[in-house]
């Protein structure tokens, strides 16, 4: 699914977001990406999502070589790579249904199919009764569930979650992680960047630790070091 070799991202100020990173992630894996702020987690996500171009090395995501990715290939890549953000990024003047449907409208899905898929993911995240609500009427946990629904409605093969529980209380955060585990059981590859050591230690999945843009450790059934 993902094969990274000697990948680096260098910025104009000569600072490295990533420095000689090599990493392979297989289909259906659930991987935690940990490390302090500035360690390179978000930069790696931005590269995998096609938001930033690497400076050196290779990054293969599915059939796409990101160092040679054309602008017209970005929408195709993002059909297969979903993204969940810490700050939700929901459209405040659209209902829950409209926020999720918007993704499919951009991809030119037919109205009947949009209706079917939106209600499927709302059922999956347990919020079928919130379809006509606006984001301001939702709790933080509910907003994050809608973000997850929006990210998976087009059935991506890879899901990137950048600090998905950062703004949530411990019980709600655990509910969100259980939901991601449920999605992973459907063979979706999931990578979660997080500072939440309690969740990492409790779930005991693969843990990749970054420091200063470099992979410091990669442990199967690891913990937050």
Protein backbone atom coordinates (compact mmCIF):
# COMPACT_ATOMS: atom_id res chain seq x y z
CA UNK A 1 0.00 0.00 0.00
CA UNK A 2 2.73 2.46 1.01
CA UNK A 3 6.45 2.14 0.28
CA UNK A 4 8.76 4.99 1.30
CA UNK A 5 12.50 4.93 0.63
CA UNK A 6 15.00 7.55 1.85
CA UNK A 7 12.31 10.22 1.77
CA UNK A 8 13.17 13.80 2.70
CA UNK A 9 11.25 17.05 2.74
CA UNK A 10 13.39 20.16 2.93
CA UNK A 11 11.92 23.64 3.32
CA UNK A 12 13.26 26.98 2.08
CA UNK A 13 14.75 27.79 5.51
CA UNK A 14 16.93 24.64 5.23
CA UNK A 15 14.85 22.90 7.89
CA UNK A 16 13.84 19.31 7.30
CA UNK A 17 10.26 18.16 7.87
CA UNK A 18 11.38 14.63 6.95
CA UNK A 19 14.94 13.36 6.81
CA UNK A 20 15.79 10.05 5.11
CA UNK A 21 12.59 8.24 6.10
CA UNK A 22 12.06 4.63 4.97
CA UNK A 23 8.79 2.90 5.78
CA UNK A 24 6.51 0.19 4.37
CA UNK A 25 2.85 -0.27 5.32
CA UNK A 26 0.77 -3.19 4.08
CA UNK A 27 -2.88 -3.40 3.18
CA UNK A 28 -5.17 -3.54 6.21
CA UNK A 29 -2.58 -2.43 8.77
CA UNK A 30 -3.40 -0.11 11.67
CA UNK A 31 -0.38 2.07 12.47
CA UNK A 32 0.17 4.73 15.11
CA UNK A 33 2.54 7.56 14.22
CA UNK A 34 3.93 9.14 17.40
CA UNK A 35 6.47 11.76 18.35
CA UNK A 36 6.63 15.31 19.75
CA UNK A 37 5.36 18.36 17.89
CA UNK A 38 7.67 19.11 14.97
CA UNK A 39 8.80 15.49 14.64
CA UNK A 40 7.44 15.16 11.09
CA UNK A 41 4.05 13.45 11.54
CA UNK A 42 1.98 16.11 9.78
CA UNK A 43 4.61 16.54 7.07
CA UNK A 44 4.49 12.83 6.32
CA UNK A 45 0.69 12.96 6.11
CA UNK A 46 0.86 15.97 3.79
CA UNK A 47 3.21 14.06 1.47
CA UNK A 48 1.03 10.93 1.50
CA UNK A 49 -2.06 13.03 0.74
CA UNK A 50 -0.34 14.90 -2.07
CA UNK A 51 -0.43 18.24 -0.25
CA UNK A 52 3.37 18.58 -0.25
CA UNK A 53 5.97 17.32 -2.70
CA UNK A 54 9.03 15.42 -1.36
CA UNK A 55 12.48 16.94 -1.88
CA UNK A 56 14.30 13.62 -2.26
CA UNK A 57 13.75 9.88 -2.10
CA UNK A 58 10.74 7.85 -3.23
CA UNK A 59 7.18 7.53 -1.96
CA UNK A 60 4.87 4.98 -3.57
CA UNK A 61 1.22 5.08 -2.49
CA UNK A 62 -0.82 2.41 -4.24
CA UNK A 63 -0.09 2.94 -7.95
CA UNK A 64 1.20 6.49 -7.52
CA UNK A 65 4.83 7.62 -7.28
CA UNK A 66 4.41 10.85 -5.33
CA UNK A 67 7.69 12.39 -6.47
CA UNK A 68 6.33 12.30 -10.03
CA UNK A 69 2.67 12.95 -9.31
CA UNK A 70 0.95 15.24 -11.81
CA UNK A 71 -1.57 17.86 -10.71
CA UNK A 72 -4.34 16.12 -12.64
CA UNK A 73 -3.64 12.89 -10.72
CA UNK A 74 -4.27 14.46 -7.29
CA UNK A 75 -8.07 14.01 -7.27
CA UNK A 76 -7.61 10.35 -8.26
CA UNK A 77 -5.06 9.79 -5.47
CA UNK A 78 -7.41 11.37 -2.92
CA UNK A 79 -10.22 9.03 -3.87
CA UNK A 80 -8.05 6.28 -2.42
CA UNK A 81 -6.50 8.25 0.47
CA UNK A 82 -8.96 9.77 2.96
CA UNK A 83 -7.97 12.36 5.56
CA UNK A 84 -9.34 13.18 9.04
CA UNK A 85 -8.29 16.48 10.64
CA UNK A 86 -8.08 17.45 14.30
CA UNK A 87 -10.01 20.71 13.74
CA UNK A 88 -12.87 18.99 11.87
CA UNK A 89 -13.03 21.42 8.88
CA UNK A 90 -16.79 20.97 8.56
CA UNK A 91 -18.70 23.51 6.46
CA UNK A 92 -20.73 25.48 9.06
CA UNK A 93 -23.59 26.47 6.74
CA UNK A 94 -24.21 22.93 5.44
CA UNK A 95 -26.03 20.17 7.24
CA UNK A 96 -24.36 16.93 8.25
CA UNK A 97 -25.83 15.25 5.18
CA UNK A 98 -24.62 18.08 2.91
CA UNK A 99 -21.10 18.03 4.44
CA UNK A 100 -20.72 14.35 3.62
CA UNK A 101 -22.52 14.48 0.27
CA UNK A 102 -20.27 17.33 -0.93
CA UNK A 103 -17.33 14.93 -1.29
CA UNK A 104 -19.34 12.70 -3.63
CA UNK A 105 -20.76 15.63 -5.57
CA UNK A 106 -17.24 16.80 -6.38
CA UNK A 107 -16.54 13.28 -7.67
CA UNK A 108 -19.70 13.45 -9.83
CA UNK A 109 -21.60 10.62 -8.15
CA UNK A 110 -25.27 10.32 -9.09
CA UNK A 111 -27.84 11.66 -6.62
CA UNK A 112 -29.33 8.25 -5.78
CA UNK A 113 -25.86 6.79 -5.08
CA UNK A 114 -24.95 9.80 -2.94
CA UNK A 115 -28.09 9.31 -0.86
CA UNK A 116 -27.29 5.62 -0.40
CA UNK A 117 -23.63 6.10 0.57
CA UNK A 118 -24.24 9.03 2.93
CA UNK A 119 -26.83 7.09 4.91
CA UNK A 120 -24.56 4.02 4.98
CA UNK A 121 -21.71 5.94 6.63
CA UNK A 122 -24.06 7.80 8.98
CA UNK A 123 -25.29 4.41 10.15
CA UNK A 124 -21.70 3.20 10.55
CA UNK A 125 -20.73 6.16 12.76
CA UNK A 126 -24.03 5.97 14.68
CA UNK A 127 -25.45 9.37 13.70
CA UNK A 128 -28.36 8.67 11.36
CA UNK A 129 -30.51 10.96 13.50
CA UNK A 130 -28.18 13.92 12.88
CA UNK A 131 -28.41 14.03 9.08
CA UNK A 132 -30.23 17.38 9.02
CA UNK A 133 -28.37 19.00 11.91
CA UNK A 134 -25.75 21.72 11.47
CA UNK A 135 -22.21 21.35 12.86
CA UNK A 136 -22.80 23.98 15.56
CA UNK A 137 -25.48 21.74 17.09
CA UNK A 138 -23.10 18.79 17.48
CA UNK A 139 -20.73 17.87 20.30
CA UNK A 140 -17.02 17.56 19.61
CA UNK A 141 -17.25 13.79 19.44
CA UNK A 142 -20.18 13.97 17.04
CA UNK A 143 -18.33 16.42 14.81
CA UNK A 144 -15.35 14.07 14.67
CA UNK A 145 -17.63 11.16 13.77
CA UNK A 146 -19.01 13.23 10.90
CA UNK A 147 -15.45 13.98 9.79
CA UNK A 148 -14.77 10.24 9.75
CA UNK A 149 -17.96 9.61 7.79
CA UNK A 150 -16.95 12.28 5.27
CA UNK A 151 -13.47 10.80 4.94
CA UNK A 152 -14.69 7.25 4.24
CA UNK A 153 -17.88 7.89 2.25
CA UNK A 154 -16.02 7.38 -1.05
CA UNK A 155 -14.54 4.16 0.31
CA UNK A 156 -10.81 5.01 0.29
CA UNK A 157 -8.29 2.22 0.68
CA UNK A 158 -6.11 4.29 3.05
CA UNK A 159 -7.26 6.57 5.88
CA UNK A 160 -4.96 9.16 7.48
CA UNK A 161 -6.08 10.56 10.86
CA UNK A 162 -4.13 13.58 12.14
CA UNK A 163 -4.66 13.87 15.92
CA UNK A 164 -8.32 12.73 15.62
CA UNK A 165 -8.83 12.72 19.41
CA UNK A 166 -6.81 15.81 20.31
CA UNK A 167 -9.84 17.94 21.24
CA UNK A 168 -11.86 15.22 22.93
CA UNK A 169 -12.30 13.93 26.48
CA UNK A 170 -10.84 10.46 27.22
CA UNK A 171 -14.12 8.54 26.94
CA UNK A 172 -15.10 10.17 23.66
CA UNK A 173 -11.56 9.71 22.33
CA UNK A 174 -11.78 5.99 23.06
CA UNK A 175 -15.12 5.80 21.24
CA UNK A 176 -13.51 7.41 18.19
CA UNK A 177 -10.62 4.94 18.25
CA UNK A 178 -13.02 2.02 18.50
CA UNK A 179 -14.80 3.39 15.43
CA UNK A 180 -11.50 3.58 13.55
CA UNK A 181 -10.80 -0.01 14.61
CA UNK A 182 -14.17 -1.01 13.18
CA UNK A 183 -13.30 0.68 9.88
CA UNK A 184 -9.94 -1.09 9.88
CA UNK A 185 -11.75 -4.43 10.11
CA UNK A 186 -13.17 -3.62 6.68
CA UNK A 187 -9.58 -3.87 5.33
CA UNK A 188 -9.04 -0.11 5.23
CA UNK A 189 -5.40 0.75 5.99
CA UNK A 190 -5.34 3.28 8.84
CA UNK A 191 -2.52 5.53 10.04
CA UNK A 192 -3.16 7.65 13.14
CA UNK A 193 -0.87 10.47 14.25
CA UNK A 194 -1.38 11.06 17.95
CA UNK A 195 0.04 12.33 21.24
CA UNK A 196 -2.43 10.25 23.25
CA UNK A 197 -0.19 7.68 24.93
CA UNK A 198 -3.11 6.09 26.80
CA UNK A 199 -4.82 5.06 23.57
CA UNK A 200 -1.58 3.87 21.95
CA UNK A 201 -0.67 1.76 24.96
CA UNK A 202 -4.18 0.34 25.28
CA UNK A 203 -4.60 -0.66 21.63
CA UNK A 204 -1.14 -2.21 21.17
CA UNK A 205 -0.91 -1.81 17.40
CA UNK A 206 2.14 -1.09 15.29
CA UNK A 207 3.87 2.10 16.50
CA UNK A 208 6.26 4.21 14.38
CA UNK A 209 8.07 6.89 16.38
CA UNK A 210 9.44 10.00 14.63
CA UNK A 211 11.97 12.46 15.98
CA UNK A 212 13.30 15.46 14.04
CA UNK A 213 11.87 14.05 10.82
CA UNK A 214 13.55 10.66 11.23
CA UNK A 215 12.12 7.24 12.11
CA UNK A 216 13.57 6.35 15.50
CA UNK A 217 11.70 3.08 16.07
CA UNK A 218 9.11 0.86 14.40
CA UNK A 219 7.50 -1.69 16.71
CA UNK A 220 4.79 -4.28 16.17
CA UNK A 221 2.29 -4.19 19.07
CA UNK A 222 4.25 -1.29 20.47
CA UNK A 223 3.62 1.39 23.07
CA UNK A 224 4.15 5.12 23.33
CA UNK A 225 7.84 5.52 24.14
